[in-house]
């Protein structure tokens, strides 16, 4: 009966970890291993959690990217690196970063636009473009956002 107790303990520990914040499958696997949980028990518990919808790396990546970019805007490359360090696959990390960046770069810039209201159009564009570049957004994304927001604003 030791195996059943181990699995029950692992499930309890996993749900306790998830009650604090969402985690990736890799993070949970690592935490279970650090507590001495046998790999086969960890795999069964993780599979059970995935089936219950408690562990979803794609959802984690999207939520993490949005939250991270709202609190401290980062470039796509840095965001992908952070997600990979948390155990998210490169493909999922890239998709999450791309989706969050476009929306959040517009939000970040929209907060600054009222400050530049009386400036000539060219100066406003330069400031907006520089603002986004300094926060790590790609030149292509910055140019697109500036054209949509600044030019559409004036």
Protein backbone atom coordinates (compact mmCIF):
# COMPACT_ATOMS: atom_id res chain seq x y z
CA UNK A 1 0.00 0.00 0.00
CA UNK A 2 3.03 2.28 0.04
CA UNK A 3 2.57 3.14 -3.68
CA UNK A 4 -1.00 4.34 -3.15
CA UNK A 5 0.15 6.53 -0.27
CA UNK A 6 2.99 7.89 -2.37
CA UNK A 7 0.62 8.76 -5.17
CA UNK A 8 -1.86 10.35 -2.77
CA UNK A 9 0.93 12.34 -1.17
CA UNK A 10 2.23 13.44 -4.60
CA UNK A 11 -1.25 14.52 -5.69
CA UNK A 12 -1.71 16.53 -2.49
CA UNK A 13 1.69 18.17 -2.90
CA UNK A 14 1.01 18.98 -6.55
CA UNK A 15 -2.38 20.55 -5.82
CA UNK A 16 -0.83 22.53 -2.96
CA UNK A 17 1.84 23.89 -5.32
CA UNK A 18 -0.79 24.81 -7.90
CA UNK A 19 -2.88 26.61 -5.28
CA UNK A 20 -0.17 29.28 -5.01
CA UNK A 21 0.31 29.94 -8.74
CA UNK A 22 0.13 28.16 -12.10
CA UNK A 23 3.19 26.07 -12.92
CA UNK A 24 4.57 24.25 -15.93
CA UNK A 25 4.72 20.51 -16.16
CA UNK A 26 8.53 20.68 -15.98
CA UNK A 27 8.44 22.80 -12.80
CA UNK A 28 6.07 20.35 -11.14
CA UNK A 29 8.14 17.36 -12.21
CA UNK A 30 11.25 19.02 -10.77
CA UNK A 31 9.55 19.89 -7.47
CA UNK A 32 8.17 16.36 -7.08
CA UNK A 33 11.62 14.88 -7.78
CA UNK A 34 13.22 17.22 -5.24
CA UNK A 35 10.85 15.84 -2.59
CA UNK A 36 11.90 12.27 -3.42
CA UNK A 37 8.85 11.27 -5.43
CA UNK A 38 9.62 8.32 -7.73
CA UNK A 39 9.54 9.28 -11.44
CA UNK A 40 6.77 6.82 -12.32
CA UNK A 41 4.53 8.21 -9.56
CA UNK A 42 5.28 11.77 -10.67
CA UNK A 43 4.34 10.90 -14.26
CA UNK A 44 1.03 9.34 -13.18
CA UNK A 45 0.17 12.34 -11.00
CA UNK A 46 1.13 14.81 -13.75
CA UNK A 47 -0.99 12.91 -16.28
CA UNK A 48 -3.92 13.01 -13.85
CA UNK A 49 -3.42 16.77 -13.38
CA UNK A 50 -3.31 17.33 -17.14
CA UNK A 51 -6.53 15.38 -17.62
CA UNK A 52 -8.14 17.45 -14.86
CA UNK A 53 -7.03 20.65 -16.62
CA UNK A 54 -4.75 21.73 -13.78
CA UNK A 55 -1.57 21.66 -15.86
CA UNK A 56 -1.51 23.28 -19.30
CA UNK A 57 1.82 24.61 -20.56
CA UNK A 58 0.22 26.55 -23.44
CA UNK A 59 -2.13 28.38 -21.10
CA UNK A 60 0.70 28.98 -18.62
CA UNK A 61 2.89 30.46 -21.37
CA UNK A 62 0.15 32.81 -22.57
CA UNK A 63 -0.75 34.00 -19.07
CA UNK A 64 2.89 34.37 -18.04
CA UNK A 65 3.72 36.36 -21.18
CA UNK A 66 0.80 38.74 -20.69
CA UNK A 67 1.50 39.20 -16.99
CA UNK A 68 5.23 39.66 -17.46
CA UNK A 69 4.81 42.18 -20.23
CA UNK A 70 2.25 44.18 -18.27
CA UNK A 71 4.46 44.43 -15.20
CA UNK A 72 7.86 44.77 -16.90
CA UNK A 73 7.86 44.91 -20.71
CA UNK A 74 10.51 42.67 -22.26
CA UNK A 75 11.66 41.85 -25.75
CA UNK A 76 10.30 38.75 -27.41
CA UNK A 77 13.69 37.06 -27.14
CA UNK A 78 13.99 37.65 -23.38
CA UNK A 79 10.43 36.52 -22.78
CA UNK A 80 11.00 33.32 -24.75
CA UNK A 81 14.16 32.67 -22.71
CA UNK A 82 12.26 33.15 -19.43
CA UNK A 83 9.53 30.77 -20.54
CA UNK A 84 12.05 28.16 -21.69
CA UNK A 85 13.77 28.41 -18.29
CA UNK A 86 10.41 27.55 -16.72
CA UNK A 87 10.17 24.42 -18.86
CA UNK A 88 7.92 25.63 -21.68
CA UNK A 89 8.81 24.35 -25.16
CA UNK A 90 10.40 26.83 -27.57
CA UNK A 91 7.39 26.69 -29.91
CA UNK A 92 4.85 27.43 -27.18
CA UNK A 93 7.06 30.18 -25.74
CA UNK A 94 7.43 31.86 -29.15
CA UNK A 95 3.69 31.74 -29.82
CA UNK A 96 2.84 33.18 -26.40
CA UNK A 97 5.41 35.97 -26.68
CA UNK A 98 4.29 36.97 -30.18
CA UNK A 99 0.64 37.16 -29.19
CA UNK A 100 1.25 39.16 -26.04
CA UNK A 101 3.81 41.56 -27.52
CA UNK A 102 1.62 43.07 -30.21
CA UNK A 103 -1.19 43.90 -27.81
CA UNK A 104 1.00 45.08 -24.97
CA UNK A 105 3.26 47.30 -27.05
CA UNK A 106 0.15 49.22 -28.09
CA UNK A 107 -0.99 49.50 -24.47
CA UNK A 108 2.42 50.73 -23.30
CA UNK A 109 2.57 53.34 -26.04
CA UNK A 110 -1.04 54.45 -25.55
CA UNK A 111 -0.18 55.49 -21.99
CA UNK A 112 2.59 57.79 -23.27
CA UNK A 113 0.73 59.39 -26.20
CA UNK A 114 -1.13 62.00 -24.12
CA UNK A 115 2.23 63.34 -22.89
CA UNK A 116 3.30 64.09 -26.46
CA UNK A 117 0.01 65.61 -27.60
CA UNK A 118 1.26 69.10 -28.54
CA UNK A 119 4.40 67.91 -30.34
CA UNK A 120 4.90 67.96 -34.12
CA UNK A 121 4.04 64.65 -35.82
CA UNK A 122 7.67 63.69 -36.64
CA UNK A 123 8.86 64.33 -33.09
CA UNK A 124 5.95 62.32 -31.69
CA UNK A 125 6.81 59.41 -34.01
CA UNK A 126 10.51 59.49 -33.02
CA UNK A 127 9.69 59.51 -29.33
CA UNK A 128 7.17 56.70 -29.66
CA UNK A 129 9.55 54.59 -31.73
CA UNK A 130 12.42 55.16 -29.28
CA UNK A 131 10.17 54.41 -26.31
CA UNK A 132 9.28 50.99 -27.70
CA UNK A 133 12.83 50.17 -28.78
CA UNK A 134 14.19 50.97 -25.31
CA UNK A 135 11.72 48.48 -23.84
CA UNK A 136 13.05 45.73 -26.07
CA UNK A 137 10.37 45.59 -28.73
CA UNK A 138 11.63 44.73 -32.21
CA UNK A 139 12.12 47.53 -34.74
CA UNK A 140 9.51 45.95 -37.01
CA UNK A 141 6.88 45.73 -34.27
CA UNK A 142 7.71 49.24 -33.01
CA UNK A 143 7.35 50.69 -36.51
CA UNK A 144 4.02 48.96 -37.05
CA UNK A 145 2.61 50.10 -33.70
CA UNK A 146 3.82 53.67 -34.18
CA UNK A 147 2.22 53.83 -37.62
CA UNK A 148 -1.09 52.50 -36.29
CA UNK A 149 -1.31 54.51 -33.08
CA UNK A 150 0.56 57.74 -33.70
CA UNK A 151 -0.44 58.26 -37.29
CA UNK A 152 -4.02 57.18 -36.62
CA UNK A 153 -4.13 59.52 -33.62
CA UNK A 154 -3.15 62.66 -35.50
